[in-house]
């Protein structure tokens, strides 16, 4: 697995199972794999362009789940204690 494919898989994972299992998600992984394996610069550029648009649509449909912020966690604990 190349670096672009791994990055796309990581991004899909942050969007949840629906994004990962969707046809659009599968298409993004395929495009990423093709970009990693491209031998000519114009092939890689075409894949990158399509991948960028595919990821844009995926993010619209399946917004990534925000990562937990340590400051937010502290604030939530403080609020739970009533402080």
N, C-alpha and C. Protein backbone atom coordinates (compact mmCIF):
# COMPACT_ATOMS: atom_id res chain seq x y z
N UNK A 1 0.85 -1.17 0.00
CA UNK A 1 0.00 0.00 0.00
C UNK A 1 0.90 1.24 0.00
N UNK A 2 0.59 2.15 -0.91
CA UNK A 2 1.38 3.36 -1.01
C UNK A 2 0.92 4.44 -0.05
N UNK A 3 1.65 5.55 0.00
CA UNK A 3 1.34 6.61 0.96
C UNK A 3 0.00 7.31 0.68
N UNK A 4 -0.36 7.48 -0.58
CA UNK A 4 -1.63 8.16 -0.88
C UNK A 4 -2.80 7.25 -0.50
N UNK A 5 -2.69 5.96 -0.84
CA UNK A 5 -3.75 5.03 -0.46
C UNK A 5 -3.92 4.95 1.05
N UNK A 6 -2.81 4.91 1.78
CA UNK A 6 -2.90 4.85 3.24
C UNK A 6 -3.57 6.10 3.80
N UNK A 7 -3.21 7.26 3.25
CA UNK A 7 -3.80 8.52 3.71
C UNK A 7 -5.31 8.54 3.43
N UNK A 8 -5.70 8.05 2.27
CA UNK A 8 -7.13 8.04 1.93
C UNK A 8 -7.87 7.07 2.85
N UNK A 9 -7.29 5.91 3.11
CA UNK A 9 -7.93 4.96 4.02
C UNK A 9 -8.09 5.56 5.42
N UNK A 10 -7.07 6.29 5.88
CA UNK A 10 -7.15 6.95 7.19
C UNK A 10 -8.26 8.00 7.21
N UNK A 11 -8.35 8.80 6.13
CA UNK A 11 -9.39 9.82 6.07
C UNK A 11 -10.77 9.18 6.04
N UNK A 12 -10.93 8.10 5.28
CA UNK A 12 -12.22 7.41 5.23
C UNK A 12 -12.59 6.86 6.60
N UNK A 13 -11.60 6.32 7.30
CA UNK A 13 -11.87 5.78 8.64
C UNK A 13 -12.38 6.88 9.57
N UNK A 14 -11.88 8.10 9.41
CA UNK A 14 -12.34 9.20 10.26
C UNK A 14 -13.76 9.63 9.93
N UNK A 15 -14.26 9.21 8.75
CA UNK A 15 -15.61 9.55 8.33
C UNK A 15 -16.62 8.48 8.73
N UNK A 16 -16.14 7.32 9.15
CA UNK A 16 -17.05 6.27 9.60
C UNK A 16 -17.26 5.15 8.60
N UNK A 17 -17.98 4.13 9.04
CA UNK A 17 -18.20 2.92 8.24
C UNK A 17 -19.01 3.19 6.97
N UNK A 18 -19.94 4.12 7.04
CA UNK A 18 -20.75 4.41 5.85
C UNK A 18 -19.88 4.94 4.72
N UNK A 19 -18.96 5.82 5.03
CA UNK A 19 -18.06 6.37 4.01
C UNK A 19 -17.12 5.29 3.49
N UNK A 20 -16.57 4.50 4.40
CA UNK A 20 -15.64 3.45 4.01
C UNK A 20 -16.31 2.43 3.10
N UNK A 21 -17.56 2.09 3.40
CA UNK A 21 -18.26 1.07 2.63
C UNK A 21 -19.00 1.59 1.41
N UNK A 22 -18.96 2.87 1.19
CA UNK A 22 -19.69 3.44 0.05
C UNK A 22 -18.93 3.24 -1.26
N UNK A 23 -19.67 3.33 -2.36
CA UNK A 23 -19.05 3.23 -3.68
C UNK A 23 -18.06 4.38 -3.88
N UNK A 24 -18.42 5.53 -3.37
CA UNK A 24 -17.53 6.69 -3.50
C UNK A 24 -16.24 6.47 -2.70
N UNK A 25 -16.37 5.86 -1.53
CA UNK A 25 -15.18 5.53 -0.74
C UNK A 25 -14.29 4.53 -1.45
N UNK A 26 -14.91 3.52 -2.04
CA UNK A 26 -14.13 2.52 -2.79
C UNK A 26 -13.45 3.17 -3.99
N UNK A 27 -14.13 4.09 -4.62
CA UNK A 27 -13.56 4.81 -5.76
C UNK A 27 -12.35 5.64 -5.32
N UNK A 28 -12.45 6.27 -4.16
CA UNK A 28 -11.34 7.07 -3.64
C UNK A 28 -10.11 6.19 -3.39
N UNK A 29 -10.33 5.01 -2.82
CA UNK A 29 -9.22 4.09 -2.57
C UNK A 29 -8.60 3.66 -3.89
N UNK A 30 -9.43 3.36 -4.88
CA UNK A 30 -8.92 2.94 -6.19
C UNK A 30 -8.11 4.06 -6.84
N UNK A 31 -8.63 5.28 -6.79
CA UNK A 31 -7.89 6.41 -7.35
C UNK A 31 -6.55 6.62 -6.63
N UNK A 32 -6.56 6.48 -5.31
CA UNK A 32 -5.33 6.64 -4.54
C UNK A 32 -4.31 5.58 -4.94
N UNK A 33 -4.77 4.34 -5.09
CA UNK A 33 -3.87 3.26 -5.50
C UNK A 33 -3.28 3.54 -6.88
N UNK A 34 -4.13 4.01 -7.79
CA UNK A 34 -3.65 4.34 -9.15
C UNK A 34 -2.64 5.48 -9.11
N UNK A 35 -2.87 6.45 -8.23
CA UNK A 35 -1.91 7.56 -8.12
C UNK A 35 -0.57 7.05 -7.59
N UNK A 36 -0.63 6.18 -6.58
CA UNK A 36 0.61 5.61 -6.05
C UNK A 36 1.38 4.82 -7.10
N UNK A 37 0.66 4.15 -8.00
CA UNK A 37 1.28 3.26 -8.98
C UNK A 37 1.55 3.94 -10.32
N UNK A 38 1.17 5.20 -10.47
CA UNK A 38 1.34 5.90 -11.75
C UNK A 38 2.81 6.01 -12.12
N UNK A 39 3.10 5.74 -13.39
CA UNK A 39 4.48 5.82 -13.87
C UNK A 39 4.77 7.14 -14.58
N UNK A 40 3.74 7.78 -15.06
CA UNK A 40 3.92 9.05 -15.76
C UNK A 40 3.30 10.18 -14.95
N UNK A 41 3.94 11.34 -14.96
CA UNK A 41 3.44 12.47 -14.17
C UNK A 41 2.00 12.86 -14.53
N UNK A 42 1.65 12.81 -15.81
CA UNK A 42 0.28 13.20 -16.18
C UNK A 42 -0.75 12.20 -15.67
N UNK A 43 -0.39 10.92 -15.55
CA UNK A 43 -1.30 9.93 -14.97
C UNK A 43 -1.54 10.24 -13.49
N UNK A 44 -0.47 10.53 -12.78
CA UNK A 44 -0.58 10.86 -11.35
C UNK A 44 -1.40 12.13 -11.16
N UNK A 45 -1.20 13.11 -12.03
CA UNK A 45 -1.94 14.37 -11.92
C UNK A 45 -3.43 14.17 -12.17
N UNK A 46 -3.78 13.33 -13.13
CA UNK A 46 -5.19 13.06 -13.41
C UNK A 46 -5.85 12.35 -12.22
N UNK A 47 -5.15 11.38 -11.66
CA UNK A 47 -5.68 10.67 -10.49
C UNK A 47 -5.83 11.63 -9.31
N UNK A 48 -4.84 12.48 -9.10
CA UNK A 48 -4.89 13.43 -7.98
C UNK A 48 -6.07 14.38 -8.13
N UNK A 49 -6.33 14.84 -9.35
CA UNK A 49 -7.44 15.76 -9.59
C UNK A 49 -8.77 15.08 -9.27
N UNK A 50 -8.97 13.89 -9.76
CA UNK A 50 -10.21 13.16 -9.50
C UNK A 50 -10.33 12.79 -8.02
N UNK A 51 -9.22 12.42 -7.41
CA UNK A 51 -9.24 12.05 -6.00
C UNK A 51 -9.61 13.25 -5.13
N UNK A 52 -9.08 14.40 -5.47
CA UNK A 52 -9.39 15.62 -4.72
C UNK A 52 -10.90 15.89 -4.75
N UNK A 53 -11.52 15.77 -5.92
CA UNK A 53 -12.96 16.00 -6.04
C UNK A 53 -13.75 14.92 -5.32
N UNK A 54 -13.32 13.68 -5.41
CA UNK A 54 -14.00 12.58 -4.74
C UNK A 54 -13.97 12.79 -3.22
N UNK A 55 -12.82 13.17 -2.70
CA UNK A 55 -12.70 13.41 -1.25
C UNK A 55 -13.55 14.60 -0.82
N UNK A 56 -13.65 15.62 -1.66
CA UNK A 56 -14.48 16.78 -1.33
C UNK A 56 -15.94 16.35 -1.16
N UNK A 57 -16.42 15.52 -2.08
CA UNK A 57 -17.80 15.05 -2.00
C UNK A 57 -17.99 14.14 -0.79
N UNK A 58 -17.03 13.29 -0.52
CA UNK A 58 -17.11 12.41 0.64
C UNK A 58 -17.21 13.21 1.94
N UNK A 59 -16.41 14.25 2.06
CA UNK A 59 -16.43 15.07 3.28
C UNK A 59 -17.78 15.77 3.43
N UNK A 60 -18.38 16.18 2.31
CA UNK A 60 -19.72 16.78 2.35
C UNK A 60 -20.75 15.79 2.87
N UNK A 61 -20.68 14.57 2.35
CA UNK A 61 -21.68 13.56 2.69
C UNK A 61 -21.44 12.91 4.05
N UNK A 62 -20.18 12.75 4.40
CA UNK A 62 -19.81 12.07 5.64
C UNK A 62 -18.78 12.90 6.39
N UNK A 63 -19.19 13.98 7.06
CA UNK A 63 -18.22 14.82 7.75
C UNK A 63 -17.39 14.00 8.75
N UNK A 64 -16.08 14.23 8.77
CA UNK A 64 -15.23 13.49 9.71
C UNK A 64 -15.66 13.73 11.15
N UNK A 65 -15.53 12.71 11.96
CA UNK A 65 -15.83 12.82 13.39
C UNK A 65 -14.69 13.60 14.02
N UNK A 66 -15.00 14.70 14.73
CA UNK A 66 -13.91 15.48 15.33
C UNK A 66 -13.17 14.67 16.38
N UNK A 67 -11.87 14.86 16.39
CA UNK A 67 -11.04 14.18 17.39
C UNK A 67 -11.23 14.86 18.74
N UNK A 68 -11.10 14.08 19.78
CA UNK A 68 -11.24 14.62 21.13
C UNK A 68 -10.10 15.60 21.42
N UNK A 69 -10.48 16.73 21.95
CA UNK A 69 -9.52 17.75 22.32
C UNK A 69 -9.32 17.68 23.84
N UNK A 70 -8.08 17.57 24.31
CA UNK A 70 -7.85 17.46 25.75
C UNK A 70 -8.47 18.61 26.55
N UNK A 71 -8.46 19.81 26.00
CA UNK A 71 -9.04 20.96 26.70
C UNK A 71 -10.56 20.77 26.82
N UNK A 72 -11.19 20.29 25.75
CA UNK A 72 -12.63 20.04 25.80
C UNK A 72 -12.96 18.95 26.81
N UNK A 73 -12.12 17.93 26.89
CA UNK A 73 -12.34 16.85 27.86
C UNK A 73 -12.26 17.39 29.29
N UNK A 74 -11.28 18.23 29.57
CA UNK A 74 -11.17 18.83 30.90
C UNK A 74 -12.39 19.69 31.22
N UNK A 75 -12.84 20.47 30.24
CA UNK A 75 -14.00 21.33 30.43
C UNK A 75 -15.23 20.47 30.73
N UNK A 76 -15.41 19.39 30.00
CA UNK A 76 -16.56 18.51 30.22
C UNK A 76 -16.53 17.88 31.60
N UNK A 77 -15.34 17.46 32.04
CA UNK A 77 -15.23 16.88 33.39
C UNK A 77 -15.56 17.90 34.46
N UNK A 78 -15.08 19.13 34.26
CA UNK A 78 -15.35 20.20 35.20
C UNK A 78 -16.84 20.50 35.28
N UNK A 79 -17.50 20.50 34.13
CA UNK A 79 -18.95 20.76 34.08
C UNK A 79 -19.73 19.63 34.76
N UNK A 80 -19.25 18.40 34.61
CA UNK A 80 -19.89 17.25 35.26
C UNK A 80 -19.84 17.37 36.78
N UNK A 81 -18.71 17.91 37.28
CA UNK A 81 -18.55 18.08 38.73
C UNK A 81 -19.31 19.29 39.25
N UNK A 82 -19.76 20.13 38.32
CA UNK A 82 -20.49 21.33 38.73
C UNK A 82 -19.58 22.46 39.13
N UNK A 83 -18.35 22.42 38.71
CA UNK A 83 -17.39 23.48 39.08
C UNK A 83 -17.41 24.60 38.08
